[in-house]
Amino acid sequence: MNLFVVSNKDFTQHIKVPSYKVNRADDYEEWKDVSKVRHREITRTKVSGSFTLIYDDVTELDDFFDTIEAAKALHPSGAVEMTVYLNNLHTTATITATIKYTPANERPYFGREKVSGFEVSIEEL
């Protein structure tokens, strides 16, 4: 099962699996009418979440960042097209999302010895 794929490159092997929390949720508007009845209207569904990546090899880490940067260059807003596994639906989805890192891209080395991985946050546009 592929959890995280960008540009046909699967990064699942670097994910610390218990940390993987990517789900699809509904965005909705909510209001009460004059009779105090609550109403909800779904405006859209959105994928978001986070997971931890661990790299022991600097060249594999560089390959990850190069793949992400190349994918960002293809989208005007700097977003990345990716395929992710959705925990709550037990299926995969191809989305266009923003991607952020914590700690913020402290290259040249992330890994078990320095910071025990880094967190990747994604949010669908």
PDB file of N, CA and C in Angstrom:
ATOM      1  N   MET A   1       0.842  -1.171   0.000  1.00  0.00           N
ATOM      2  CA  MET A   1       0.000   0.000   0.000  1.00  0.00           C
ATOM      3  C   MET A   1       0.894   1.243   0.000  1.00  0.00           C
ATOM      4  N   ASN A   2       0.611   2.174  -0.879  1.00  0.00           N
ATOM      5  CA  ASN A   2       1.371   3.418  -0.980  1.00  0.00           C
ATOM      6  C   ASN A   2       0.678   4.498  -0.156  1.00  0.00           C
ATOM      7  N   LEU A   3       1.397   5.042   0.805  1.00  0.00           N
ATOM      8  CA  LEU A   3       0.822   6.092   1.646  1.00  0.00           C
ATOM      9  C   LEU A   3       1.036   7.483   1.058  1.00  0.00           C
ATOM     10  N   PHE A   4       2.194   7.707   0.422  1.00  0.00           N
ATOM     11  CA  PHE A   4       2.547   9.053  -0.036  1.00  0.00           C
ATOM     12  C   PHE A   4       3.380   8.945  -1.305  1.00  0.00           C
ATOM     13  N   VAL A   5       2.816   9.385  -2.436  1.00  0.00           N
ATOM     14  CA  VAL A   5       3.474   9.290  -3.739  1.00  0.00           C
ATOM     15  C   VAL A   5       3.448  10.674  -4.392  1.00  0.00           C
ATOM     16  N   VAL A   6       4.624  11.126  -4.856  1.00  0.00           N
ATOM     17  CA  VAL A   6       4.742  12.395  -5.580  1.00  0.00           C
ATOM     18  C   VAL A   6       5.539  12.118  -6.848  1.00  0.00           C
ATOM     19  N   SER A   7       5.023  12.554  -7.990  1.00  0.00           N
ATOM     20  CA  SER A   7       5.701  12.377  -9.281  1.00  0.00           C
ATOM     21  C   SER A   7       6.125  10.926  -9.512  1.00  0.00           C
ATOM     22  N   ASN A   8       5.222  10.012  -9.240  1.00  0.00           N
ATOM     23  CA  ASN A   8       5.454   8.570  -9.411  1.00  0.00           C
ATOM     24  C   ASN A   8       6.578   8.028  -8.534  1.00  0.00           C
ATOM     25  N   LYS A   9       6.984   8.753  -7.516  1.00  0.00           N
ATOM     26  CA  LYS A   9       7.987   8.271  -6.565  1.00  0.00           C
ATOM     27  C   LYS A   9       7.289   8.012  -5.230  1.00  0.00           C
ATOM     28  N   ASP A  10       7.433   6.788  -4.752  1.00  0.00           N
ATOM     29  CA  ASP A  10       6.786   6.372  -3.516  1.00  0.00           C
ATOM     30  C   ASP A  10       7.722   6.605  -2.334  1.00  0.00           C
ATOM     31  N   PHE A  11       7.266   7.407  -1.365  1.00  0.00           N
ATOM     32  CA  PHE A  11       8.069   7.716  -0.182  1.00  0.00           C
ATOM     33  C   PHE A  11       7.558   6.984   1.059  1.00  0.00           C
ATOM     34  N   THR A  12       6.715   5.974   0.860  1.00  0.00           N
ATOM     35  CA  THR A  12       6.109   5.246   1.966  1.00  0.00           C
ATOM     36  C   THR A  12       7.145   4.623   2.897  1.00  0.00           C
ATOM     37  N   GLN A  13       8.230   4.109   2.361  1.00  0.00           N
ATOM     38  CA  GLN A  13       9.215   3.405   3.189  1.00  0.00           C
ATOM     39  C   GLN A  13       9.873   4.306   4.225  1.00  0.00           C
ATOM     40  N   HIS A  14       9.789   5.623   4.048  1.00  0.00           N
ATOM     41  CA  HIS A  14      10.412   6.556   4.980  1.00  0.00           C
ATOM     42  C   HIS A  14       9.437   7.104   6.015  1.00  0.00           C
ATOM     43  N   ILE A  15       8.173   6.711   5.922  1.00  0.00           N
ATOM     44  CA  ILE A  15       7.162   7.213   6.855  1.00  0.00           C
ATOM     45  C   ILE A  15       7.182   6.395   8.134  1.00  0.00           C
ATOM     46  N   LYS A  16       7.201   7.082   9.249  1.00  0.00           N
ATOM     47  CA  LYS A  16       7.054   6.437  10.552  1.00  0.00           C
ATOM     48  C   LYS A  16       5.556   6.168  10.711  1.00  0.00           C
ATOM     49  N   VAL A  17       5.145   4.940  10.431  1.00  0.00           N
ATOM     50  CA  VAL A  17       3.735   4.609  10.206  1.00  0.00           C
ATOM     51  C   VAL A  17       2.775   5.057  11.318  1.00  0.00           C
ATOM     52  N   PRO A  18       3.071   4.881  12.602  1.00  0.00           N
ATOM     53  CA  PRO A  18       2.082   5.337  13.596  1.00  0.00           C
ATOM     54  C   PRO A  18       1.801   6.837  13.535  1.00  0.00           C
ATOM     55  N   SER A  19       2.693   7.601  12.911  1.00  0.00           N
ATOM     56  CA  SER A  19       2.510   9.055  12.841  1.00  0.00           C
ATOM     57  C   SER A  19       1.589   9.469  11.697  1.00  0.00           C
ATOM     58  N   TYR A  20       1.227   8.545  10.813  1.00  0.00           N
ATOM     59  CA  TYR A  20       0.489   8.895   9.590  1.00  0.00           C
ATOM     60  C   TYR A  20      -0.974   9.185   9.917  1.00  0.00           C
ATOM     61  N   LYS A  21      -1.362  10.461   9.773  1.00  0.00           N
ATOM     62  CA  LYS A  21      -2.725  10.899  10.079  1.00  0.00           C
ATOM     63  C   LYS A  21      -3.203  11.824   8.954  1.00  0.00           C
ATOM     64  N   VAL A  22      -3.622  11.228   7.844  1.00  0.00           N
ATOM     65  CA  VAL A  22      -4.142  11.992   6.709  1.00  0.00           C
ATOM     66  C   VAL A  22      -5.570  11.526   6.471  1.00  0.00           C
ATOM     67  N   ASN A  23      -6.516  12.487   6.476  1.00  0.00           N
ATOM     68  CA  ASN A  23      -7.934  12.169   6.357  1.00  0.00           C
ATOM     69  C   ASN A  23      -8.638  13.151   5.434  1.00  0.00           C
ATOM     70  N   ARG A  24      -9.790  12.745   4.945  1.00  0.00           N
ATOM     71  CA  ARG A  24     -10.670  13.640   4.194  1.00  0.00           C
ATOM     72  C   ARG A  24     -11.805  14.040   5.126  1.00  0.00           C
ATOM     73  N   ALA A  25     -12.059  15.339   5.205  1.00  0.00           N
ATOM     74  CA  ALA A  25     -13.115  15.856   6.080  1.00  0.00           C
ATOM     75  C   ALA A  25     -13.968  16.859   5.315  1.00  0.00           C
ATOM     76  N   ASP A  26     -15.172  17.064   5.792  1.00  0.00           N
ATOM     77  CA  ASP A  26     -16.096  18.006   5.168  1.00  0.00           C
ATOM     78  C   ASP A  26     -15.900  19.401   5.749  1.00  0.00           C
ATOM     79  N   ASP A  27     -15.867  20.399   4.881  1.00  0.00           N
ATOM     80  CA  ASP A  27     -15.974  21.794   5.295  1.00  0.00           C
ATOM     81  C   ASP A  27     -17.434  22.171   5.114  1.00  0.00           C
ATOM     82  N   TYR A  28     -17.996  22.833   6.091  1.00  0.00           N
ATOM     83  CA  TYR A  28     -19.413  23.157   5.978  1.00  0.00           C
ATOM     84  C   TYR A  28     -19.719  24.507   6.611  1.00  0.00           C
ATOM     85  N   GLU A  29     -20.839  25.060   6.192  1.00  0.00           N
ATOM     86  CA  GLU A  29     -21.375  26.264   6.807  1.00  0.00           C
ATOM     87  C   GLU A  29     -22.484  25.828   7.741  1.00  0.00           C
ATOM     88  N   GLU A  30     -22.582  26.496   8.868  1.00  0.00           N
ATOM     89  CA  GLU A  30     -23.595  26.129   9.852  1.00  0.00           C
ATOM     90  C   GLU A  30     -24.344  27.380  10.290  1.00  0.00           C
ATOM     91  N   TRP A  31     -25.640  27.270  10.461  1.00  0.00           N
ATOM     92  CA  TRP A  31     -26.437  28.397  10.923  1.00  0.00           C
ATOM     93  C   TRP A  31     -27.698  27.887  11.611  1.00  0.00           C
ATOM     94  N   LYS A  32     -28.336  28.773  12.382  1.00  0.00           N
ATOM     95  CA  LYS A  32     -29.614  28.460  13.021  1.00  0.00           C
ATOM     96  C   LYS A  32     -30.673  29.360  12.420  1.00  0.00           C
ATOM     97  N   ASP A  33     -31.830  28.774  12.158  1.00  0.00           N
ATOM     98  CA  ASP A  33     -32.924  29.581  11.617  1.00  0.00           C
ATOM     99  C   ASP A  33     -33.703  30.218  12.773  1.00  0.00           C
ATOM    100  N   VAL A  34     -34.789  30.918  12.456  1.00  0.00           N
ATOM    101  CA  VAL A  34     -35.561  31.629  13.486  1.00  0.00           C
ATOM    102  C   VAL A  34     -36.188  30.682  14.497  1.00  0.00           C
ATOM    103  N   SER A  35     -36.363  29.435  14.129  1.00  0.00           N
ATOM    104  CA  SER A  35     -36.932  28.444  15.044  1.00  0.00           C
ATOM    105  C   SER A  35     -35.850  27.755  15.879  1.00  0.00           C
ATOM    106  N   LYS A  36     -34.614  28.257  15.827  1.00  0.00           N
ATOM    107  CA  LYS A  36     -33.471  27.724  16.560  1.00  0.00           C
ATOM    108  C   LYS A  36     -33.065  26.318  16.102  1.00  0.00           C
ATOM    109  N   VAL A  37     -33.406  25.972  14.867  1.00  0.00           N
ATOM    110  CA  VAL A  37     -33.002  24.693  14.289  1.00  0.00           C
ATOM    111  C   VAL A  37     -31.656  24.900  13.600  1.00  0.00           C
ATOM    112  N   ARG A  38     -30.718  24.001  13.931  1.00  0.00           N
ATOM    113  CA  ARG A  38     -29.381  24.122  13.358  1.00  0.00           C
ATOM    114  C   ARG A  38     -29.338  23.451  11.986  1.00  0.00           C
ATOM    115  N   HIS A  39     -28.736  24.150  11.026  1.00  0.00           N
ATOM    116  CA  HIS A  39     -28.594  23.644   9.658  1.00  0.00           C
ATOM    117  C   HIS A  39     -27.116  23.608   9.293  1.00  0.00           C
ATOM    118  N   ARG A  40     -26.736  22.604   8.508  1.00  0.00           N
ATOM    119  CA  ARG A  40     -25.374  22.497   7.982  1.00  0.00           C
ATOM    120  C   ARG A  40     -25.452  22.280   6.487  1.00  0.00           C
ATOM    121  N   GLU A  41     -24.562  22.985   5.795  1.00  0.00           N
ATOM    122  CA  GLU A  41     -24.461  22.803   4.352  1.00  0.00           C
ATOM    123  C   GLU A  41     -22.995  22.529   4.024  1.00  0.00           C
ATOM    124  N   ILE A  42     -22.736  21.363   3.444  1.00  0.00           N
ATOM    125  CA  ILE A  42     -21.358  21.017   3.083  1.00  0.00           C
ATOM    126  C   ILE A  42     -20.936  21.878   1.903  1.00  0.00           C
ATOM    127  N   THR A  43     -19.823  22.579   2.076  1.00  0.00           N
ATOM    128  CA  THR A  43     -19.319  23.433   1.005  1.00  0.00           C
ATOM    129  C   THR A  43     -18.291  22.703   0.148  1.00  0.00           C
ATOM    130  N   ARG A  44     -17.541  21.775   0.765  1.00  0.00           N
ATOM    131  CA  ARG A  44     -16.556  20.975   0.032  1.00  0.00           C
ATOM    132  C   ARG A  44     -15.957  19.936   0.971  1.00  0.00           C
ATOM    133  N   THR A  45     -15.236  19.009   0.393  1.00  0.00           N
ATOM    134  CA  THR A  45     -14.457  18.077   1.206  1.00  0.00           C
ATOM    135  C   THR A  45     -12.984  18.407   0.978  1.00  0.00           C
ATOM    136  N   LYS A  46     -12.184  18.189   2.015  1.00  0.00           N
ATOM    137  CA  LYS A  46     -10.777  18.587   1.942  1.00  0.00           C
ATOM    138  C   LYS A  46      -9.916  17.538   2.641  1.00  0.00           C
ATOM    139  N   VAL A  47      -8.776  17.236   2.020  1.00  0.00           N
ATOM    140  CA  VAL A  47      -7.808  16.310   2.596  1.00  0.00           C
ATOM    141  C   VAL A  47      -6.744  17.127   3.330  1.00  0.00           C
ATOM    142  N   SER A  48      -6.424  16.700   4.543  1.00  0.00           N
ATOM    143  CA  SER A  48      -5.342  17.337   5.284  1.00  0.00           C
ATOM    144  C   SER A  48      -4.794  16.346   6.305  1.00  0.00           C
ATOM    145  N   GLY A  49      -3.605  16.642   6.795  1.00  0.00           N
ATOM    146  CA  GLY A  49      -3.016  15.788   7.814  1.00  0.00           C
ATOM    147  C   GLY A  49      -1.523  15.941   7.882  1.00  0.00           C
ATOM    148  N   SER A  50      -0.897  15.015   8.612  1.00  0.00           N
ATOM    149  CA  SER A  50       0.554  15.083   8.792  1.00  0.00           C
ATOM    150  C   SER A  50       1.109  13.682   9.029  1.00  0.00           C
ATOM    151  N   PHE A  51       2.425  13.588   8.884  1.00  0.00           N
ATOM    152  CA  PHE A  51       3.147  12.343   9.146  1.00  0.00           C
ATOM    153  C   PHE A  51       4.618  12.675   9.317  1.00  0.00           C
ATOM    154  N   THR A  52       5.353  11.726   9.881  1.00  0.00           N
ATOM    155  CA  THR A  52       6.777  11.902  10.126  1.00  0.00           C
ATOM    156  C   THR A  52       7.574  11.089   9.112  1.00  0.00           C
ATOM    157  N   LEU A  53       8.569  11.728   8.505  1.00  0.00           N
ATOM    158  CA  LEU A  53       9.491  11.045   7.600  1.00  0.00           C
ATOM    159  C   LEU A  53      10.844  10.916   8.270  1.00  0.00           C
ATOM    160  N   ILE A  54      11.482   9.764   8.076  1.00  0.00           N
ATOM    161  CA  ILE A  54      12.822   9.530   8.624  1.00  0.00           C
ATOM    162  C   ILE A  54      13.742   9.091   7.486  1.00  0.00           C
ATOM    163  N   TYR A  55      14.866   9.782   7.366  1.00  0.00           N
ATOM    164  CA  TYR A  55      15.876   9.439   6.362  1.00  0.00           C
ATOM    165  C   TYR A  55      17.198   9.183   7.049  1.00  0.00           C
ATOM    166  N   ASP A  56      17.843   8.072   6.680  1.00  0.00           N
ATOM    167  CA  ASP A  56      19.181   7.774   7.173  1.00  0.00           C
ATOM    168  C   ASP A  56      20.236   8.106   6.129  1.00  0.00           C
ATOM    169  N   ASP A  57      19.811   8.244   4.872  1.00  0.00           N
ATOM    170  CA  ASP A  57      20.722   8.478   3.760  1.00  0.00           C
ATOM    171  C   ASP A  57      20.483   9.880   3.195  1.00  0.00           C
ATOM    172  N   VAL A  58      21.517  10.695   3.188  1.00  0.00           N
ATOM    173  CA  VAL A  58      21.397  12.079   2.726  1.00  0.00           C
ATOM    174  C   VAL A  58      20.991  12.146   1.250  1.00  0.00           C
ATOM    175  N   THR A  59      21.454  11.224   0.419  1.00  0.00           N
ATOM    176  CA  THR A  59      21.089  11.255  -1.006  1.00  0.00           C
ATOM    177  C   THR A  59      19.604  10.968  -1.199  1.00  0.00           C
ATOM    178  N   GLU A  60      19.037  10.078  -0.386  1.00  0.00           N
ATOM    179  CA  GLU A  60      17.592   9.828  -0.467  1.00  0.00           C
ATOM    180  C   GLU A  60      16.806  11.046  -0.001  1.00  0.00           C
ATOM    181  N   LEU A  61      17.303  11.717   1.026  1.00  0.00           N
ATOM    182  CA  LEU A  61      16.663  12.949   1.491  1.00  0.00           C
ATOM    183  C   LEU A  61      16.714  14.017   0.403  1.00  0.00           C
ATOM    184  N   ASP A  62      17.863  14.181  -0.237  1.00  0.00           N
ATOM    185  CA  ASP A  62      17.985  15.146  -1.329  1.00  0.00           C
ATOM    186  C   ASP A  62      17.039  14.806  -2.472  1.00  0.00           C
ATOM    187  N   ASP A  63      16.880  13.522  -2.760  1.00  0.00           N
ATOM    188  CA  ASP A  63      15.948  13.091  -3.796  1.00  0.00           C
ATOM    189  C   ASP A  63      14.518  13.477  -3.432  1.00  0.00           C
ATOM    190  N   PHE A  64      14.154  13.326  -2.153  1.00  0.00           N
ATOM    191  CA  PHE A  64      12.820  13.731  -1.696  1.00  0.00           C
ATOM    192  C   PHE A  64      12.603  15.224  -1.924  1.00  0.00           C
ATOM    193  N   PHE A  65      13.542  16.060  -1.439  1.00  0.00           N
ATOM    194  CA  PHE A  65      13.385  17.511  -1.603  1.00  0.00           C
ATOM    195  C   PHE A  65      13.405  17.925  -3.067  1.00  0.00           C
ATOM    196  N   ASP A  66      14.251  17.309  -3.885  1.00  0.00           N
ATOM    197  CA  ASP A  66      14.292  17.628  -5.313  1.00  0.00           C
ATOM    198  C   ASP A  66      12.974  17.281  -5.986  1.00  0.00           C
ATOM    199  N   THR A  67      12.380  16.144  -5.622  1.00  0.00           N
ATOM    200  CA  THR A  67      11.089  15.738  -6.190  1.00  0.00           C
ATOM    201  C   THR A  67       9.992  16.725  -5.808  1.00  0.00           C
ATOM    202  N   ILE A  68       9.974  17.134  -4.547  1.00  0.00           N
ATOM    203  CA  ILE A  68       8.966  18.092  -4.082  1.00  0.00           C
ATOM    204  C   ILE A  68       9.142  19.434  -4.787  1.00  0.00           C
ATOM    205  N   GLU A  69      10.371  19.919  -4.875  1.00  0.00           N
ATOM    206  CA  GLU A  69      10.616  21.218  -5.521  1.00  0.00           C
ATOM    207  C   GLU A  69      10.261  21.180  -7.007  1.00  0.00           C
ATOM    208  N   ALA A  70      10.558  20.093  -7.690  1.00  0.00           N
ATOM    209  CA  ALA A  70      10.202  19.957  -9.107  1.00  0.00           C
ATOM    210  C   ALA A  70       8.684  19.925  -9.277  1.00  0.00           C
ATOM    211  N   ALA A  71       7.988  19.269  -8.374  1.00  0.00           N
ATOM    212  CA  ALA A  71       6.524  19.218  -8.443  1.00  0.00           C
ATOM    213  C   ALA A  71       5.910  20.584  -8.148  1.00  0.00           C
ATOM    214  N   LYS A  72       6.508  21.339  -7.217  1.00  0.00           N
ATOM    215  CA  LYS A  72       6.016  22.690  -6.910  1.00  0.00           C
ATOM    216  C   LYS A  72       6.160  23.610  -8.113  1.00  0.00           C
ATOM    217  N   ALA A  73       7.218  23.432  -8.902  1.00  0.00           N
ATOM    218  CA  ALA A  73       7.464  24.289 -10.068  1.00  0.00           C
ATOM    219  C   ALA A  73       6.391  24.102 -11.141  1.00  0.00           C
ATOM    220  N   LEU A  74       5.685  22.977 -11.113  1.00  0.00           N
ATOM    221  CA  LEU A  74       4.662  22.706 -12.122  1.00  0.00           C
ATOM    222  C   LEU A  74       3.326  23.367 -11.819  1.00  0.00           C
ATOM    223  N   HIS A  75       3.158  23.882 -10.615  1.00  0.00           N
ATOM    224  CA  HIS A  75       1.872  24.471 -10.217  1.00  0.00           C
ATOM    225  C   HIS A  75       2.069  25.950  -9.903  1.00  0.00           C
ATOM    226  N   PRO A  76       1.201  26.833 -10.426  1.00  0.00           N
ATOM    227  CA  PRO A  76       1.410  28.276 -10.221  1.00  0.00           C
ATOM    228  C   PRO A  76       1.442  28.713  -8.759  1.00  0.00           C
ATOM    229  N   SER A  77       0.707  28.031  -7.888  1.00  0.00           N
ATOM    230  CA  SER A  77       0.685  28.439  -6.479  1.00  0.00           C
ATOM    231  C   SER A  77       1.756  27.740  -5.652  1.00  0.00           C
ATOM    232  N   GLY A  78       2.580  26.899  -6.281  1.00  0.00           N
ATOM    233  CA  GLY A  78       3.607  26.182  -5.547  1.00  0.00           C
ATOM    234  C   GLY A  78       3.087  24.952  -4.830  1.00  0.00           C
ATOM    235  N   ALA A  79       1.888  24.530  -5.181  1.00  0.00           N
ATOM    236  CA  ALA A  79       1.315  23.319  -4.587  1.00  0.00           C
ATOM    237  C   ALA A  79       1.910  22.083  -5.268  1.00  0.00           C
ATOM    238  N   VAL A  80       1.643  20.927  -4.695  1.00  0.00           N
ATOM    239  CA  VAL A  80       2.198  19.670  -5.181  1.00  0.00           C
ATOM    240  C   VAL A  80       1.057  18.696  -5.460  1.00  0.00           C
ATOM    241  N   GLU A  81       1.092  18.051  -6.641  1.00  0.00           N
ATOM    242  CA  GLU A  81       0.118  16.993  -6.907  1.00  0.00           C
ATOM    243  C   GLU A  81       0.671  15.701  -6.327  1.00  0.00           C
ATOM    244  N   MET A  82      -0.155  15.013  -5.539  1.00  0.00           N
ATOM    245  CA  MET A  82       0.303  13.816  -4.841  1.00  0.00           C
ATOM    246  C   MET A  82      -0.834  12.823  -4.690  1.00  0.00           C
ATOM    247  N   THR A  83      -0.455  11.585  -4.452  1.00  0.00           N
ATOM    248  CA  THR A  83      -1.430  10.554  -4.117  1.00  0.00           C
ATOM    249  C   THR A  83      -1.173  10.166  -2.666  1.00  0.00           C
ATOM    250  N   VAL A  84      -2.233  10.221  -1.862  1.00  0.00           N
ATOM    251  CA  VAL A  84      -2.116   9.915  -0.437  1.00  0.00           C
ATOM    252  C   VAL A  84      -3.166   8.879  -0.047  1.00  0.00           C
ATOM    253  N   TYR A  85      -2.857   8.139   0.996  1.00  0.00           N
ATOM    254  CA  TYR A  85      -3.805   7.188   1.566  1.00  0.00           C
ATOM    255  C   TYR A  85      -4.642   7.925   2.614  1.00  0.00           C
ATOM    256  N   LEU A  86      -5.964   7.737   2.558  1.00  0.00           N
ATOM    257  CA  LEU A  86      -6.871   8.389   3.497  1.00  0.00           C
ATOM    258  C   LEU A  86      -7.247   7.400   4.594  1.00  0.00           C
ATOM    259  N   ASN A  87      -6.803   7.663   5.812  1.00  0.00           N
ATOM    260  CA  ASN A  87      -7.069   6.753   6.929  1.00  0.00           C
ATOM    261  C   ASN A  87      -8.557   6.529   7.165  1.00  0.00           C
ATOM    262  N   ASN A  88      -9.335   7.607   7.158  1.00  0.00           N
ATOM    263  CA  ASN A  88     -10.740   7.466   7.523  1.00  0.00           C
ATOM    264  C   ASN A  88     -11.583   6.804   6.431  1.00  0.00           C
ATOM    265  N   LEU A  89     -11.118   6.777   5.181  1.00  0.00           N
ATOM    266  CA  LEU A  89     -11.881   6.159   4.095  1.00  0.00           C
ATOM    267  C   LEU A  89     -11.253   4.865   3.589  1.00  0.00           C
ATOM    268  N   HIS A  90     -10.060   4.538   4.052  1.00  0.00           N
ATOM    269  CA  HIS A  90      -9.339   3.319   3.645  1.00  0.00           C
ATOM    270  C   HIS A  90      -9.191   3.215   2.130  1.00  0.00           C
ATOM    271  N   THR A  91      -8.807   4.321   1.521  1.00  0.00           N
ATOM    272  CA  THR A  91      -8.579   4.376   0.077  1.00  0.00           C
ATOM    273  C   THR A  91      -7.539   5.449  -0.218  1.00  0.00           C
ATOM    274  N   THR A  92      -7.122   5.550  -1.471  1.00  0.00           N
ATOM    275  CA  THR A  92      -6.173   6.594  -1.858  1.00  0.00           C
ATOM    276  C   THR A  92      -6.895   7.680  -2.648  1.00  0.00           C
ATOM    277  N   ALA A  93      -6.286   8.847  -2.676  1.00  0.00           N
ATOM    278  CA  ALA A  93      -6.827   9.968  -3.442  1.00  0.00           C
ATOM    279  C   ALA A  93      -5.671  10.753  -4.042  1.00  0.00           C
ATOM    280  N   THR A  94      -5.869  11.247  -5.250  1.00  0.00           N
ATOM    281  CA  THR A  94      -4.885  12.133  -5.883  1.00  0.00           C
ATOM    282  C   THR A  94      -5.367  13.554  -5.666  1.00  0.00           C
ATOM    283  N   ILE A  95      -4.522  14.357  -5.034  1.00  0.00           N
ATOM    284  CA  ILE A  95      -4.909  15.714  -4.659  1.00  0.00           C
ATOM    285  C   ILE A  95      -3.815  16.699  -5.051  1.00  0.00           C
ATOM    286  N   THR A  96      -4.167  17.976  -5.064  1.00  0.00           N
ATOM    287  CA  THR A  96      -3.205  19.063  -5.186  1.00  0.00           C
ATOM    288  C   THR A  96      -3.197  19.769  -3.840  1.00  0.00           C
ATOM    289  N   ALA A  97      -2.035  19.793  -3.194  1.00  0.00           N
ATOM    290  CA  ALA A  97      -1.975  20.283  -1.819  1.00  0.00           C
ATOM    291  C   ALA A  97      -0.705  21.072  -1.560  1.00  0.00           C
ATOM    292  N   THR A  98      -0.772  21.902  -0.517  1.00  0.00           N
ATOM    293  CA  THR A  98       0.428  22.573  -0.032  1.00  0.00           C
ATOM    294  C   THR A  98       1.143  21.605   0.901  1.00  0.00           C
ATOM    295  N   ILE A  99       2.443  21.774   1.002  1.00  0.00           N
ATOM    296  CA  ILE A  99       3.248  20.894   1.847  1.00  0.00           C
ATOM    297  C   ILE A  99       4.192  21.754   2.675  1.00  0.00           C
ATOM    298  N   LYS A 100       4.272  21.459   3.972  1.00  0.00           N
ATOM    299  CA  LYS A 100       5.149  22.196   4.892  1.00  0.00           C
ATOM    300  C   LYS A 100       5.922  21.200   5.745  1.00  0.00           C
ATOM    301  N   TYR A 101       7.075  21.631   6.232  1.00  0.00           N
ATOM    302  CA  TYR A 101       7.938  20.777   7.036  1.00  0.00           C
ATOM    303  C   TYR A 101       8.163  21.379   8.416  1.00  0.00           C
ATOM    304  N   THR A 102       8.289  20.528   9.434  1.00  0.00           N
ATOM    305  CA  THR A 102       8.669  20.949  10.772  1.00  0.00           C
ATOM    306  C   THR A 102       9.713  19.969  11.277  1.00  0.00           C
ATOM    307  N   PRO A 103      10.909  20.347  11.633  1.00  0.00           N
ATOM    308  CA  PRO A 103      11.501  21.679  11.512  1.00  0.00           C
ATOM    309  C   PRO A 103      11.659  22.079  10.044  1.00  0.00           C
ATOM    310  N   ALA A 104      11.661  23.362   9.798  1.00  0.00           N
ATOM    311  CA  ALA A 104      11.590  23.897   8.444  1.00  0.00           C
ATOM    312  C   ALA A 104      12.866  23.656   7.645  1.00  0.00           C
ATOM    313  N   ASN A 105      12.907  22.539   6.963  1.00  0.00           N
ATOM    314  CA  ASN A 105      13.957  22.214   5.980  1.00  0.00           C
ATOM    315  C   ASN A 105      15.374  22.491   6.477  1.00  0.00           C
ATOM    316  N   GLU A 106      15.737  21.900   7.589  1.00  0.00           N
ATOM    317  CA  GLU A 106      17.096  22.075   8.111  1.00  0.00           C
ATOM    318  C   GLU A 106      18.043  21.114   7.410  1.00  0.00           C
ATOM    319  N   ARG A 107      18.330  21.374   6.161  1.00  0.00           N
ATOM    320  CA  ARG A 107      19.251  20.532   5.422  1.00  0.00           C
ATOM    321  C   ARG A 107      20.653  20.745   5.946  1.00  0.00           C
ATOM    322  N   PRO A 108      21.579  19.888   5.727  1.00  0.00           N
ATOM    323  CA  PRO A 108      21.537  18.786   4.781  1.00  0.00           C
ATOM    324  C   PRO A 108      21.092  17.458   5.373  1.00  0.00           C
ATOM    325  N   TYR A 109      20.753  17.374   6.682  1.00  0.00           N
ATOM    326  CA  TYR A 109      20.520  16.033   7.205  1.00  0.00           C
ATOM    327  C   TYR A 109      19.382  16.011   8.214  1.00  0.00           C
ATOM    328  N   PHE A 110      18.365  15.199   7.907  1.00  0.00           N
ATOM    329  CA  PHE A 110      17.347  14.827   8.878  1.00  0.00           C
ATOM    330  C   PHE A 110      17.552  13.350   9.121  1.00  0.00           C
ATOM    331  N   GLY A 111      17.303  12.893  10.274  1.00  0.00           N
ATOM    332  CA  GLY A 111      17.408  11.453  10.484  1.00  0.00           C
ATOM    333  C   GLY A 111      17.341  11.095  11.938  1.00  0.00           C
ATOM    334  N   ARG A 112      17.480   9.845  12.218  1.00  0.00           N
ATOM    335  CA  ARG A 112      17.330   9.352  13.588  1.00  0.00           C
ATOM    336  C   ARG A 112      18.326  10.006  14.540  1.00  0.00           C
ATOM    337  N   GLU A 113      19.564  10.218  14.079  1.00  0.00           N
ATOM    338  CA  GLU A 113      20.567  10.734  14.993  1.00  0.00           C
ATOM    339  C   GLU A 113      20.400  12.217  15.297  1.00  0.00           C
ATOM    340  N   LYS A 114      19.875  12.990  14.341  1.00  0.00           N
ATOM    341  CA  LYS A 114      19.796  14.430  14.574  1.00  0.00           C
ATOM    342  C   LYS A 114      18.468  14.837  15.204  1.00  0.00           C
ATOM    343  N   VAL A 115      17.358  14.600  14.536  1.00  0.00           N
ATOM    344  CA  VAL A 115      16.069  15.068  15.057  1.00  0.00           C
ATOM    345  C   VAL A 115      14.991  13.996  15.026  1.00  0.00           C
ATOM    346  N   SER A 116      15.359  12.745  14.882  1.00  0.00           N
ATOM    347  CA  SER A 116      14.455  11.614  14.717  1.00  0.00           C
ATOM    348  C   SER A 116      13.318  11.897  13.763  1.00  0.00           C
ATOM    349  N   GLY A 117      13.677  12.376  12.605  1.00  0.00           N
ATOM    350  CA  GLY A 117      12.705  12.600  11.549  1.00  0.00           C
ATOM    351  C   GLY A 117      12.186  14.018  11.558  1.00  0.00           C
ATOM    352  N   PHE A 118      11.327  14.291  10.604  1.00  0.00           N
ATOM    353  CA  PHE A 118      10.699  15.599  10.536  1.00  0.00           C
ATOM    354  C   PHE A 118       9.255  15.413  10.105  1.00  0.00           C
ATOM    355  N   GLU A 119       8.415  16.334  10.520  1.00  0.00           N
ATOM    356  CA  GLU A 119       6.992  16.225  10.253  1.00  0.00           C
ATOM    357  C   GLU A 119       6.641  16.931   8.955  1.00  0.00           C
ATOM    358  N   VAL A 120       5.830  16.267   8.150  1.00  0.00           N
ATOM    359  CA  VAL A 120       5.322  16.822   6.901  1.00  0.00           C
ATOM    360  C   VAL A 120       3.828  17.062   7.087  1.00  0.00           C
ATOM    361  N   SER A 121       3.386  18.290   6.812  1.00  0.00           N
ATOM    362  CA  SER A 121       1.966  18.627   6.887  1.00  0.00           C
ATOM    363  C   SER A 121       1.469  18.924   5.487  1.00  0.00           C
ATOM    364  N   ILE A 122       0.306  18.353   5.138  1.00  0.00           N
ATOM    365  CA  ILE A 122      -0.289  18.624   3.838  1.00  0.00           C
ATOM    366  C   ILE A 122      -1.710  19.139   4.017  1.00  0.00           C
ATOM    367  N   GLU A 123      -2.128  19.995   3.098  1.00  0.00           N
ATOM    368  CA  GLU A 123      -3.495  20.506   3.103  1.00  0.00           C
ATOM    369  C   GLU A 123      -3.932  20.755   1.664  1.00  0.00           C
ATOM    370  N   GLU A 124      -5.024  20.132   1.287  1.00  0.00           N
ATOM    371  CA  GLU A 124      -5.532  20.257  -0.077  1.00  0.00           C
ATOM    372  C   GLU A 124      -5.995  21.679  -0.339  1.00  0.00           C
ATOM    373  N   LEU A 125      -5.743  22.153  -1.553  1.00  0.00           N
ATOM    374  CA  LEU A 125      -6.198  23.493  -1.935  1.00  0.00           C
ATOM    375  C   LEU A 125      -7.688  23.516  -2.145  1.00  0.00           C
TER     376      LEU A 125
END
